[in-house]
Amino acid sequence: MIFKEIAGINMNILTKYTQIMGIKLDSKQIEQLHTYKNLLIEWNQKVNLTAITDPKEIIVKHFLDSMAIHAVSPVLNKQGFKVIDVGSGAGFPGLVLQIAFPKCNITLLESTQKKVKFLQFVKTKLELTNLTVIGARAELAAHNVLFREVFDLVVARGVARLSTLSELTLPFCKINGLCVLHKGPNPDKELTQASKAINHMGGNKAELLSLNQSLSLPSNNTVFVKLIKISKTPARFPRADGMPKKSPL
C-alpha cells in the first residue's frame, strides 16, 4: 500500500509541474511515463543507463527536466513537426517529449548499442508509433540527406561542451529551426568559447534561459541554450572521427 501511495505522490508532482509548463497529460500518457520509469529502474540493474535511480528524482530530474524544453521553446504537437535528440542516452529528453507530444515525429540518435536496445524496447512496449531510434554517431548521421537540415527542433542533454555540441547538433537543424541544449548552471564562459563554432555551423548568438527562474523546479539548475539556425552549415561539418570533441573550433 505504501508503495502505491509514494507512486501517487510522485505522479502528483509530475502533473503539477506539467500543468505549469502548459502541458496536459492524459491518463494514458501518465501511465506510459510510469511504465517508462519502471523499465528504466529495471534495466539499470543490468545495464548502466543512469546514475539517478530514485523514482522521485527520475520524475524531477529526468522527466520534468526533459519536458521543460516546452517552457522555453514550445513544442508543436502536430504531425510533421520534426525533432531529433542527439545523444539520447536512456531517452532524455527525446523519448519523454514523444510521450508528452505524441503527434510529433521524434528521432532518437544514440551510438551506444546497449542504450539503443533499451530505447527500441521502450518504443515497442509503449507503442510509440511516431518515434524513430537510430544507432549511429552524430558525425556520420548529420551527413545523411535523410537527417541533414530537416529538423524543426534539435535537442541534446549532457552530451559535450558547447563548442563541440554546436558542431554535433546544428547540422541537423533546418533554416529558421531551433536548437535547445541542456546545460548546467553558469554556462556563460562555455558559451563565449563556443561562439566561433556556433557561427561556423550557421547559428546565431545564443540565448540563455534558466529553468528555475520560470518554473522553480525542486533541485534543478538547468540552463537552456537556445540557438536559431540562420544559414546553412558548410558541407564539411561535422568533422568525422571524433574531431569535434578532440579539436573544438
C-alpha atoms as a PDB file:
ATOM      1  CA  MET A   1       0.000   0.000   0.000  1.00  0.00           C
ATOM      2  CA  ILE A   2       2.763   2.423   0.935  1.00  0.00           C
ATOM      3  CA  PHE A   3       4.437   1.959  -2.460  1.00  0.00           C
ATOM      4  CA  LYS A   4       1.187   2.882  -4.237  1.00  0.00           C
ATOM      5  CA  GLU A   5       0.936   6.000  -2.061  1.00  0.00           C
ATOM      6  CA  ILE A   6       4.518   7.020  -2.894  1.00  0.00           C
ATOM      7  CA  ALA A   7       3.865   6.424  -6.595  1.00  0.00           C
ATOM      8  CA  GLY A   8       0.758   8.590  -6.345  1.00  0.00           C
ATOM      9  CA  ILE A   9       2.701  11.427  -4.705  1.00  0.00           C
ATOM     10  CA  ASN A  10       5.364  11.251  -7.418  1.00  0.00           C
ATOM     11  CA  MET A  11       2.746  11.379 -10.173  1.00  0.00           C
ATOM     12  CA  ASN A  12       1.121  14.366  -8.438  1.00  0.00           C
ATOM     13  CA  ILE A  13       4.463  16.191  -8.677  1.00  0.00           C
ATOM     14  CA  LEU A  14       4.558  15.317 -12.366  1.00  0.00           C
ATOM     15  CA  THR A  15       1.074  16.616 -13.117  1.00  0.00           C
ATOM     16  CA  LYS A  16       1.572  19.768 -11.025  1.00  0.00           C
ATOM     17  CA  TYR A  17       4.625  20.948 -12.930  1.00  0.00           C
ATOM     18  CA  THR A  18       3.484  19.833 -16.376  1.00  0.00           C
ATOM     19  CA  GLN A  19       0.396  21.976 -15.898  1.00  0.00           C
ATOM     20  CA  ILE A  20       2.631  24.938 -15.016  1.00  0.00           C
ATOM     21  CA  MET A  21       4.525  24.305 -18.259  1.00  0.00           C
ATOM     22  CA  GLY A  22       1.279  24.285 -20.215  1.00  0.00           C
ATOM     23  CA  ILE A  23       1.428  20.540 -20.934  1.00  0.00           C
ATOM     24  CA  LYS A  24      -1.727  18.486 -20.481  1.00  0.00           C
ATOM     25  CA  LEU A  25      -1.124  14.788 -19.910  1.00  0.00           C
ATOM     26  CA  ASP A  26      -3.999  12.318 -20.133  1.00  0.00           C
ATOM     27  CA  SER A  27      -4.214   9.068 -18.182  1.00  0.00           C
ATOM     28  CA  LYS A  28      -2.555   7.089 -20.997  1.00  0.00           C
ATOM     29  CA  GLN A  29       0.466   9.412 -21.085  1.00  0.00           C
ATOM     30  CA  ILE A  30       0.847   9.312 -17.300  1.00  0.00           C
ATOM     31  CA  GLU A  31       0.719   5.513 -17.411  1.00  0.00           C
ATOM     32  CA  GLN A  32       3.342   5.483 -20.190  1.00  0.00           C
ATOM     33  CA  LEU A  33       5.667   7.626 -18.087  1.00  0.00           C
ATOM     34  CA  HIS A  34       5.083   5.364 -15.093  1.00  0.00           C
ATOM     35  CA  THR A  35       5.952   2.288 -17.190  1.00  0.00           C
ATOM     36  CA  TYR A  36       8.993   4.043 -18.660  1.00  0.00           C
ATOM     37  CA  LYS A  37      10.212   4.873 -15.146  1.00  0.00           C
ATOM     38  CA  ASN A  38       9.849   1.261 -14.027  1.00  0.00           C
ATOM     39  CA  LEU A  39      11.634  -0.060 -17.125  1.00  0.00           C
ATOM     40  CA  LEU A  40      14.479   2.394 -16.558  1.00  0.00           C
ATOM     41  CA  ILE A  41      14.934   1.184 -12.990  1.00  0.00           C
ATOM     42  CA  GLU A  42      14.675  -2.482 -14.040  1.00  0.00           C
ATOM     43  CA  TRP A  43      17.114  -2.255 -16.952  1.00  0.00           C
ATOM     44  CA  ASN A  44      19.529  -0.116 -14.958  1.00  0.00           C
ATOM     45  CA  GLN A  45      20.216  -3.088 -12.699  1.00  0.00           C
ATOM     46  CA  LYS A  46      21.815  -4.850 -15.674  1.00  0.00           C
ATOM     47  CA  VAL A  47      22.809  -2.005 -17.996  1.00  0.00           C
ATOM     48  CA  ASN A  48      24.282   1.312 -16.873  1.00  0.00           C
ATOM     49  CA  LEU A  49      21.693   3.770 -18.186  1.00  0.00           C
ATOM     50  CA  THR A  50      21.539   6.446 -15.484  1.00  0.00           C
ATOM     51  CA  ALA A  51      23.019   7.338 -12.108  1.00  0.00           C
ATOM     52  CA  ILE A  52      19.583   8.523 -10.975  1.00  0.00           C
ATOM     53  CA  THR A  53      17.505   5.590  -9.718  1.00  0.00           C
ATOM     54  CA  ASP A  54      15.199   7.103  -7.084  1.00  0.00           C
ATOM     55  CA  PRO A  55      11.641   7.250  -8.540  1.00  0.00           C
ATOM     56  CA  LYS A  56      11.014  10.838  -7.438  1.00  0.00           C
ATOM     57  CA  GLU A  57      14.367  12.005  -8.809  1.00  0.00           C
ATOM     58  CA  ILE A  58      13.647  10.273 -12.118  1.00  0.00           C
ATOM     59  CA  ILE A  59      10.422  12.263 -12.380  1.00  0.00           C
ATOM     60  CA  VAL A  60      12.006  15.589 -11.398  1.00  0.00           C
ATOM     61  CA  LYS A  61      15.499  15.353 -12.884  1.00  0.00           C
ATOM     62  CA  HIS A  62      14.691  13.322 -15.990  1.00  0.00           C
ATOM     63  CA  PHE A  63      11.019  13.648 -16.919  1.00  0.00           C
ATOM     64  CA  LEU A  64      10.227  17.223 -15.871  1.00  0.00           C
ATOM     65  CA  ASP A  65      13.668  18.464 -16.895  1.00  0.00           C
ATOM     66  CA  SER A  66      13.100  16.970 -20.346  1.00  0.00           C
ATOM     67  CA  MET A  67       9.613  18.407 -20.788  1.00  0.00           C
ATOM     68  CA  ALA A  68      10.756  21.828 -19.571  1.00  0.00           C
ATOM     69  CA  ILE A  69      12.057  22.454 -23.093  1.00  0.00           C
ATOM     70  CA  HIS A  70       8.431  23.317 -23.861  1.00  0.00           C
ATOM     71  CA  ALA A  71       8.594  26.199 -21.364  1.00  0.00           C
ATOM     72  CA  VAL A  72      11.469  27.904 -23.200  1.00  0.00           C
ATOM     73  CA  SER A  73      10.692  26.828 -26.784  1.00  0.00           C
ATOM     74  CA  PRO A  74       7.162  25.473 -27.304  1.00  0.00           C
ATOM     75  CA  VAL A  75       6.989  22.080 -28.979  1.00  0.00           C
ATOM     76  CA  LEU A  76       4.312  21.970 -31.660  1.00  0.00           C
ATOM     77  CA  ASN A  77       2.269  18.837 -31.065  1.00  0.00           C
ATOM     78  CA  LYS A  78       1.296  18.229 -34.669  1.00  0.00           C
ATOM     79  CA  GLN A  79       2.041  15.838 -37.484  1.00  0.00           C
ATOM     80  CA  GLY A  80       5.066  16.930 -39.462  1.00  0.00           C
ATOM     81  CA  PHE A  81       6.850  18.734 -36.606  1.00  0.00           C
ATOM     82  CA  LYS A  82      10.234  17.015 -36.557  1.00  0.00           C
ATOM     83  CA  VAL A  83      12.513  16.735 -33.537  1.00  0.00           C
ATOM     84  CA  ILE A  84      15.867  14.985 -33.127  1.00  0.00           C
ATOM     85  CA  ASP A  85      17.530  14.189 -29.811  1.00  0.00           C
ATOM     86  CA  VAL A  86      21.285  13.977 -30.381  1.00  0.00           C
ATOM     87  CA  GLY A  87      22.985  11.590 -27.956  1.00  0.00           C
ATOM     88  CA  SER A  88      19.699  10.443 -26.451  1.00  0.00           C
ATOM     89  CA  GLY A  89      21.194   8.039 -23.899  1.00  0.00           C
ATOM     90  CA  ALA A  90      18.310   6.469 -21.981  1.00  0.00           C
ATOM     91  CA  GLY A  91      15.829   8.722 -23.791  1.00  0.00           C
ATOM     92  CA  PHE A  92      16.260  12.153 -22.246  1.00  0.00           C
ATOM     93  CA  PRO A  93      14.867  14.435 -23.425  1.00  0.00           C
ATOM     94  CA  GLY A  94      13.583  12.933 -26.687  1.00  0.00           C
ATOM     95  CA  LEU A  95      11.649   9.882 -25.526  1.00  0.00           C
ATOM     96  CA  VAL A  96       9.943  11.885 -22.776  1.00  0.00           C
ATOM     97  CA  LEU A  97       8.981  14.528 -25.342  1.00  0.00           C
ATOM     98  CA  GLN A  98       7.473  11.813 -27.551  1.00  0.00           C
ATOM     99  CA  ILE A  99       5.209  10.705 -24.714  1.00  0.00           C
ATOM    100  CA  ALA A 100       4.221  14.289 -23.923  1.00  0.00           C
ATOM    101  CA  PHE A 101       3.775  15.288 -27.589  1.00  0.00           C
ATOM    102  CA  PRO A 102       2.719  12.086 -29.381  1.00  0.00           C
ATOM    103  CA  LYS A 103       1.848  13.721 -32.720  1.00  0.00           C
ATOM    104  CA  CYS A 104       5.434  14.938 -33.274  1.00  0.00           C
ATOM    105  CA  ASN A 105       7.873  12.880 -35.306  1.00  0.00           C
ATOM    106  CA  ILE A 106      10.814  12.396 -32.960  1.00  0.00           C
ATOM    107  CA  THR A 107      14.151  10.737 -33.746  1.00  0.00           C
ATOM    108  CA  LEU A 108      16.461   9.449 -31.016  1.00  0.00           C
ATOM    109  CA  LEU A 109      20.092   9.345 -32.127  1.00  0.00           C
ATOM    110  CA  GLU A 110      22.347   7.226 -29.924  1.00  0.00           C
ATOM    111  CA  SER A 111      25.634   5.462 -30.709  1.00  0.00           C
ATOM    112  CA  THR A 112      25.892   3.099 -27.701  1.00  0.00           C
ATOM    113  CA  GLN A 113      24.222  -0.153 -28.701  1.00  0.00           C
ATOM    114  CA  LYS A 114      23.057  -1.208 -25.223  1.00  0.00           C
ATOM    115  CA  LYS A 115      21.198   2.098 -24.945  1.00  0.00           C
ATOM    116  CA  VAL A 116      19.807   1.745 -28.472  1.00  0.00           C
ATOM    117  CA  LYS A 117      18.433  -1.668 -27.483  1.00  0.00           C
ATOM    118  CA  PHE A 118      16.747  -0.130 -24.428  1.00  0.00           C
ATOM    119  CA  LEU A 119      15.231   2.704 -26.458  1.00  0.00           C
ATOM    120  CA  GLN A 120      13.865   0.274 -29.035  1.00  0.00           C
ATOM    121  CA  PHE A 121      12.380  -1.892 -26.285  1.00  0.00           C
ATOM    122  CA  VAL A 122      10.625   1.083 -24.676  1.00  0.00           C
ATOM    123  CA  LYS A 123       9.359   2.256 -28.071  1.00  0.00           C
ATOM    124  CA  THR A 124       7.741  -1.146 -28.674  1.00  0.00           C
ATOM    125  CA  LYS A 125       6.446  -1.518 -25.129  1.00  0.00           C
ATOM    126  CA  LEU A 126       4.784   1.908 -25.135  1.00  0.00           C
ATOM    127  CA  GLU A 127       3.646   1.659 -28.785  1.00  0.00           C
ATOM    128  CA  LEU A 128       5.247   4.970 -29.762  1.00  0.00           C
ATOM    129  CA  THR A 129       4.495   4.888 -33.473  1.00  0.00           C
ATOM    130  CA  ASN A 130       5.962   8.329 -34.294  1.00  0.00           C
ATOM    131  CA  LEU A 131       9.314   7.542 -32.646  1.00  0.00           C
ATOM    132  CA  THR A 132      12.415   6.538 -34.634  1.00  0.00           C
ATOM    133  CA  VAL A 133      15.528   5.121 -32.969  1.00  0.00           C
ATOM    134  CA  ILE A 134      18.822   5.426 -34.873  1.00  0.00           C
ATOM    135  CA  GLY A 135      22.016   3.736 -33.715  1.00  0.00           C
ATOM    136  CA  ALA A 136      24.751   5.959 -35.145  1.00  0.00           C
ATOM    137  CA  ARG A 137      27.246   8.685 -34.300  1.00  0.00           C
ATOM    138  CA  ALA A 138      26.154  12.266 -34.910  1.00  0.00           C
ATOM    139  CA  GLU A 139      29.260  12.937 -37.024  1.00  0.00           C
ATOM    140  CA  LEU A 140      28.046  10.366 -39.562  1.00  0.00           C
ATOM    141  CA  ALA A 141      24.279  10.777 -39.326  1.00  0.00           C
ATOM    142  CA  ALA A 142      24.480  14.533 -39.950  1.00  0.00           C
ATOM    143  CA  HIS A 143      25.875  13.871 -43.445  1.00  0.00           C
ATOM    144  CA  ASN A 144      22.922  11.651 -44.350  1.00  0.00           C
ATOM    145  CA  VAL A 145      20.412  13.524 -46.535  1.00  0.00           C
ATOM    146  CA  LEU A 146      17.571  11.963 -44.525  1.00  0.00           C
ATOM    147  CA  PHE A 147      18.702  13.837 -41.417  1.00  0.00           C
ATOM    148  CA  ARG A 148      20.711  16.857 -42.534  1.00  0.00           C
ATOM    149  CA  GLU A 149      18.996  20.221 -42.009  1.00  0.00           C
ATOM    150  CA  VAL A 150      15.492  18.737 -41.884  1.00  0.00           C
ATOM    151  CA  PHE A 151      14.505  19.095 -38.208  1.00  0.00           C
ATOM    152  CA  ASP A 152      12.365  21.866 -36.724  1.00  0.00           C
ATOM    153  CA  LEU A 153      13.868  21.321 -33.277  1.00  0.00           C
ATOM    154  CA  VAL A 154      17.182  19.774 -32.235  1.00  0.00           C
ATOM    155  CA  VAL A 155      17.712  18.877 -28.581  1.00  0.00           C
ATOM    156  CA  ALA A 156      20.624  17.456 -26.627  1.00  0.00           C
ATOM    157  CA  ARG A 157      21.345  16.932 -22.963  1.00  0.00           C
ATOM    158  CA  GLY A 158      24.692  16.388 -21.287  1.00  0.00           C
ATOM    159  CA  VAL A 159      26.491  15.334 -24.473  1.00  0.00           C
ATOM    160  CA  ALA A 160      29.524  17.654 -24.636  1.00  0.00           C
ATOM    161  CA  ARG A 161      30.785  21.195 -24.163  1.00  0.00           C
ATOM    162  CA  LEU A 162      29.021  23.799 -26.306  1.00  0.00           C
ATOM    163  CA  SER A 163      31.931  24.263 -28.700  1.00  0.00           C
ATOM    164  CA  THR A 164      31.633  20.557 -29.548  1.00  0.00           C
ATOM    165  CA  LEU A 165      27.871  20.283 -29.134  1.00  0.00           C
ATOM    166  CA  SER A 166      27.089  23.058 -31.612  1.00  0.00           C
ATOM    167  CA  GLU A 167      29.006  21.159 -34.320  1.00  0.00           C
ATOM    168  CA  LEU A 168      27.121  17.960 -33.484  1.00  0.00           C
ATOM    169  CA  THR A 169      23.625  19.496 -33.414  1.00  0.00           C
ATOM    170  CA  LEU A 170      23.258  22.491 -35.747  1.00  0.00           C
ATOM    171  CA  PRO A 171      23.873  20.451 -38.937  1.00  0.00           C
ATOM    172  CA  PHE A 172      20.600  18.612 -38.228  1.00  0.00           C
ATOM    173  CA  CYS A 173      18.618  21.827 -37.847  1.00  0.00           C
ATOM    174  CA  LYS A 174      16.767  23.342 -40.789  1.00  0.00           C
ATOM    175  CA  ILE A 175      16.993  27.045 -41.610  1.00  0.00           C
ATOM    176  CA  ASN A 176      14.930  29.030 -39.062  1.00  0.00           C
ATOM    177  CA  GLY A 177      14.735  25.930 -36.882  1.00  0.00           C
ATOM    178  CA  LEU A 178      15.853  25.819 -33.259  1.00  0.00           C
ATOM    179  CA  CYS A 179      18.455  24.048 -31.163  1.00  0.00           C
ATOM    180  CA  VAL A 180      17.649  23.861 -27.443  1.00  0.00           C
ATOM    181  CA  LEU A 181      20.524  22.419 -25.437  1.00  0.00           C
ATOM    182  CA  HIS A 182      20.543  21.438 -21.761  1.00  0.00           C
ATOM    183  CA  LYS A 183      23.458  22.772 -19.734  1.00  0.00           C
ATOM    184  CA  GLY A 184      24.275  23.091 -16.051  1.00  0.00           C
ATOM    185  CA  PRO A 185      24.437  26.340 -14.070  1.00  0.00           C
ATOM    186  CA  ASN A 186      26.629  29.228 -15.244  1.00  0.00           C
ATOM    187  CA  PRO A 187      27.369  28.225 -18.853  1.00  0.00           C
ATOM    188  CA  ASP A 188      28.413  31.776 -19.777  1.00  0.00           C
ATOM    189  CA  LYS A 189      32.148  31.063 -20.155  1.00  0.00           C
ATOM    190  CA  GLU A 190      31.444  27.901 -22.121  1.00  0.00           C
ATOM    191  CA  LEU A 191      29.131  29.848 -24.423  1.00  0.00           C
ATOM    192  CA  THR A 192      31.770  32.517 -25.066  1.00  0.00           C
ATOM    193  CA  GLN A 193      34.258  29.810 -26.064  1.00  0.00           C
ATOM    194  CA  ALA A 194      31.646  28.291 -28.394  1.00  0.00           C
ATOM    195  CA  SER A 195      30.765  31.468 -30.325  1.00  0.00           C
ATOM    196  CA  LYS A 196      33.112  30.665 -33.224  1.00  0.00           C
ATOM    197  CA  ALA A 197      31.732  27.142 -33.624  1.00  0.00           C
ATOM    198  CA  ILE A 198      28.126  28.364 -33.441  1.00  0.00           C
ATOM    199  CA  ASN A 199      28.776  30.916 -36.207  1.00  0.00           C
ATOM    200  CA  HIS A 200      30.563  28.331 -38.374  1.00  0.00           C
ATOM    201  CA  MET A 201      27.558  25.984 -38.109  1.00  0.00           C
ATOM    202  CA  GLY A 202      25.083  28.670 -39.177  1.00  0.00           C
ATOM    203  CA  GLY A 203      23.735  29.511 -35.736  1.00  0.00           C
ATOM    204  CA  ASN A 204      23.044  32.927 -34.287  1.00  0.00           C
ATOM    205  CA  LYS A 205      24.020  34.407 -30.930  1.00  0.00           C
ATOM    206  CA  ALA A 206      22.676  32.144 -28.203  1.00  0.00           C
ATOM    207  CA  GLU A 207      20.030  32.967 -25.646  1.00  0.00           C
ATOM    208  CA  LEU A 208      20.415  31.577 -22.110  1.00  0.00           C
ATOM    209  CA  LEU A 209      17.238  30.604 -20.266  1.00  0.00           C
ATOM    210  CA  SER A 210      17.290  29.461 -16.637  1.00  0.00           C
ATOM    211  CA  LEU A 211      14.705  26.841 -15.814  1.00  0.00           C
ATOM    212  CA  ASN A 212      14.428  27.786 -12.147  1.00  0.00           C
ATOM    213  CA  GLN A 213      13.563  31.399 -12.941  1.00  0.00           C
ATOM    214  CA  SER A 214      10.359  30.364 -14.681  1.00  0.00           C
ATOM    215  CA  LEU A 215       9.341  27.094 -13.017  1.00  0.00           C
ATOM    216  CA  SER A 216      11.153  26.753  -9.663  1.00  0.00           C
ATOM    217  CA  LEU A 217      11.544  23.019 -10.097  1.00  0.00           C
ATOM    218  CA  PRO A 218      12.992  21.387  -6.979  1.00  0.00           C
ATOM    219  CA  SER A 219      16.720  20.573  -7.133  1.00  0.00           C
ATOM    220  CA  ASN A 220      17.079  21.801 -10.709  1.00  0.00           C
ATOM    221  CA  ASN A 221      19.853  24.052 -12.020  1.00  0.00           C
ATOM    222  CA  THR A 222      19.301  23.546 -15.737  1.00  0.00           C
ATOM    223  CA  VAL A 223      20.084  26.433 -18.059  1.00  0.00           C
ATOM    224  CA  PHE A 224      18.925  26.057 -21.653  1.00  0.00           C
ATOM    225  CA  VAL A 225      20.997  27.367 -24.550  1.00  0.00           C
ATOM    226  CA  LYS A 226      18.653  28.386 -27.353  1.00  0.00           C
ATOM    227  CA  LEU A 227      20.042  28.793 -30.879  1.00  0.00           C
ATOM    228  CA  ILE A 228      18.320  29.761 -34.122  1.00  0.00           C
ATOM    229  CA  LYS A 229      19.691  28.307 -37.358  1.00  0.00           C
ATOM    230  CA  ILE A 230      20.052  31.283 -39.712  1.00  0.00           C
ATOM    231  CA  SER A 231      22.227  29.862 -42.517  1.00  0.00           C
ATOM    232  CA  LYS A 232      23.291  26.523 -43.976  1.00  0.00           C
ATOM    233  CA  THR A 233      26.025  24.518 -42.310  1.00  0.00           C
ATOM    234  CA  PRO A 234      29.072  24.139 -44.598  1.00  0.00           C
ATOM    235  CA  ALA A 235      29.206  20.669 -46.153  1.00  0.00           C
ATOM    236  CA  ARG A 236      32.437  19.691 -44.370  1.00  0.00           C
ATOM    237  CA  PHE A 237      30.783  19.832 -40.944  1.00  0.00           C
ATOM    238  CA  PRO A 238      30.516  17.997 -38.681  1.00  0.00           C
ATOM    239  CA  ARG A 239      34.003  16.605 -38.913  1.00  0.00           C
ATOM    240  CA  ALA A 240      34.403  12.811 -38.579  1.00  0.00           C
ATOM    241  CA  ASP A 241      36.358  10.525 -36.261  1.00  0.00           C
ATOM    242  CA  GLY A 242      35.550  12.400 -33.071  1.00  0.00           C
ATOM    243  CA  MET A 243      37.209  15.610 -34.236  1.00  0.00           C
ATOM    244  CA  PRO A 244      34.506  17.944 -32.831  1.00  0.00           C
ATOM    245  CA  LYS A 245      35.490  16.739 -29.356  1.00  0.00           C
ATOM    246  CA  LYS A 246      39.214  16.249 -29.929  1.00  0.00           C
ATOM    247  CA  SER A 247      39.733  19.600 -31.621  1.00  0.00           C
ATOM    248  CA  PRO A 248      36.840  22.038 -30.996  1.00  0.00           C
ATOM    249  CA  LEU A 249      36.582  25.016 -33.330  1.00  0.00           C
END
